[in-house]
Every structure is written in structure tokens, then in C-alpha cells.
Amino acid sequence: MSAHNDSHTSDDPVENVVKHIPVIIPAAGAVLIFLLAFIAVFMA
């Protein structure tokens, strides 16, 4: 039949971002929480 390319070494930028999502989302959440806490303390 036809030869399928099963190599998973694609340079898709979306796949490169999706690999890091489990790290990026908690890190962004932590930065946002500390930023909001800093603003709350600064405004008090």
C-alpha cells in the first residue's frame, strides 16, 4: 500500500507550545496570585 510517514518529529509550533502548557499555566497562575497579593498589600 502507501508508505505512511509515522515519524513524530514535526516542527509544528502549536505542538511545541502544547508540550509546555502543564508548566506554563500553574506558573502564570502563581505569578498572577502574587501580583494581586502585592497590589492588595500596596493599596491597604
N, C-alpha and C. Protein backbone atom coordinates (compact mmCIF):
# COMPACT_ATOMS: atom_id res chain seq x y z
N MET A 1 0.84 -1.19 0.00
CA MET A 1 0.00 0.00 0.00
C MET A 1 0.88 1.25 0.00
N SER A 2 0.36 2.33 0.50
CA SER A 2 1.13 3.57 0.51
C SER A 2 2.00 3.62 1.76
N ALA A 3 3.12 4.26 1.62
CA ALA A 3 4.04 4.39 2.75
C ALA A 3 3.60 5.57 3.61
N HIS A 4 3.31 5.28 4.87
CA HIS A 4 2.89 6.33 5.79
C HIS A 4 4.10 6.86 6.54
N ASN A 5 4.15 8.15 6.68
CA ASN A 5 5.21 8.75 7.48
C ASN A 5 4.75 8.77 8.94
N ASP A 6 5.31 7.87 9.74
CA ASP A 6 4.93 7.79 11.15
C ASP A 6 5.95 8.49 12.04
N SER A 7 6.83 9.27 11.46
CA SER A 7 7.81 9.98 12.27
C SER A 7 7.11 11.15 12.97
N HIS A 8 7.27 11.22 14.29
CA HIS A 8 6.61 12.26 15.07
C HIS A 8 7.58 13.39 15.41
N THR A 9 8.43 13.70 14.48
CA THR A 9 9.39 14.79 14.69
C THR A 9 8.95 16.01 13.90
N SER A 10 7.70 16.41 14.10
CA SER A 10 7.19 17.57 13.38
C SER A 10 7.62 18.85 14.08
N ASP A 11 7.76 19.91 13.30
CA ASP A 11 8.15 21.21 13.83
C ASP A 11 6.94 22.13 13.92
N ASP A 12 5.80 21.56 14.30
CA ASP A 12 4.58 22.35 14.41
C ASP A 12 4.68 23.26 15.63
N PRO A 13 4.56 24.56 15.46
CA PRO A 13 4.67 25.45 16.63
C PRO A 13 3.59 25.22 17.66
N VAL A 14 2.42 24.77 17.22
CA VAL A 14 1.34 24.51 18.19
C VAL A 14 1.73 23.35 19.10
N GLU A 15 2.33 22.30 18.53
CA GLU A 15 2.75 21.17 19.36
C GLU A 15 3.84 21.58 20.33
N ASN A 16 4.72 22.48 19.91
CA ASN A 16 5.78 22.93 20.80
C ASN A 16 5.21 23.71 21.98
N VAL A 17 4.13 24.45 21.77
CA VAL A 17 3.51 25.20 22.87
C VAL A 17 2.72 24.26 23.76
N VAL A 18 2.00 23.32 23.16
CA VAL A 18 1.14 22.42 23.93
C VAL A 18 1.96 21.56 24.88
N LYS A 19 3.21 21.23 24.50
CA LYS A 19 4.06 20.42 25.38
C LYS A 19 4.34 21.14 26.69
N HIS A 20 4.38 22.47 26.67
CA HIS A 20 4.75 23.23 27.86
C HIS A 20 3.55 23.77 28.63
N ILE A 21 2.34 23.51 28.17
CA ILE A 21 1.16 24.07 28.84
C ILE A 21 1.04 23.61 30.30
N PRO A 22 1.29 22.33 30.64
CA PRO A 22 1.17 21.95 32.07
C PRO A 22 2.14 22.68 32.98
N VAL A 23 3.19 23.27 32.45
CA VAL A 23 4.13 24.05 33.26
C VAL A 23 3.76 25.53 33.23
N ILE A 24 3.33 26.00 32.07
CA ILE A 24 3.09 27.44 31.90
C ILE A 24 1.87 27.90 32.69
N ILE A 25 0.79 27.12 32.67
CA ILE A 25 -0.45 27.57 33.31
C ILE A 25 -0.30 27.72 34.83
N PRO A 26 0.25 26.73 35.55
CA PRO A 26 0.43 26.95 37.00
C PRO A 26 1.42 28.08 37.30
N ALA A 27 2.46 28.22 36.49
CA ALA A 27 3.42 29.30 36.73
C ALA A 27 2.76 30.65 36.52
N ALA A 28 1.96 30.77 35.47
CA ALA A 28 1.26 32.03 35.23
C ALA A 28 0.25 32.30 36.34
N GLY A 29 -0.41 31.27 36.84
CA GLY A 29 -1.35 31.43 37.94
C GLY A 29 -0.65 31.90 39.21
N ALA A 30 0.52 31.33 39.48
CA ALA A 30 1.27 31.74 40.67
C ALA A 30 1.72 33.19 40.56
N VAL A 31 2.20 33.58 39.40
CA VAL A 31 2.62 34.97 39.20
C VAL A 31 1.43 35.91 39.36
N LEU A 32 0.28 35.52 38.82
CA LEU A 32 -0.91 36.36 38.93
C LEU A 32 -1.36 36.50 40.39
N ILE A 33 -1.31 35.41 41.15
CA ILE A 33 -1.73 35.46 42.56
C ILE A 33 -0.79 36.37 43.35
N PHE A 34 0.53 36.22 43.14
CA PHE A 34 1.47 37.08 43.86
C PHE A 34 1.33 38.54 43.45
N LEU A 35 1.04 38.78 42.18
CA LEU A 35 0.84 40.15 41.73
C LEU A 35 -0.39 40.76 42.37
N LEU A 36 -1.48 40.01 42.42
CA LEU A 36 -2.69 40.53 43.05
C LEU A 36 -2.49 40.73 44.55
N ALA A 37 -1.75 39.82 45.21
CA ALA A 37 -1.47 39.98 46.63
C ALA A 37 -0.61 41.22 46.88
N PHE A 38 0.37 41.46 46.02
CA PHE A 38 1.21 42.64 46.16
C PHE A 38 0.39 43.91 45.99
N ILE A 39 -0.51 43.91 45.02
CA ILE A 39 -1.36 45.08 44.81
C ILE A 39 -2.27 45.30 46.02
N ALA A 40 -2.82 44.21 46.58
CA ALA A 40 -3.71 44.35 47.74
C ALA A 40 -2.95 44.91 48.94
N VAL A 41 -1.73 44.43 49.17
CA VAL A 41 -0.93 44.94 50.30
C VAL A 41 -0.53 46.38 50.05
N PHE A 42 -0.18 46.71 48.82
CA PHE A 42 0.24 48.07 48.49
C PHE A 42 -0.91 49.06 48.63
N MET A 43 -2.13 48.64 48.29
CA MET A 43 -3.29 49.53 48.37
C MET A 43 -3.80 49.67 49.81
N ALA A 44 -3.48 48.72 50.68
CA ALA A 44 -4.01 48.75 52.04
C ALA A 44 -3.32 49.83 52.88
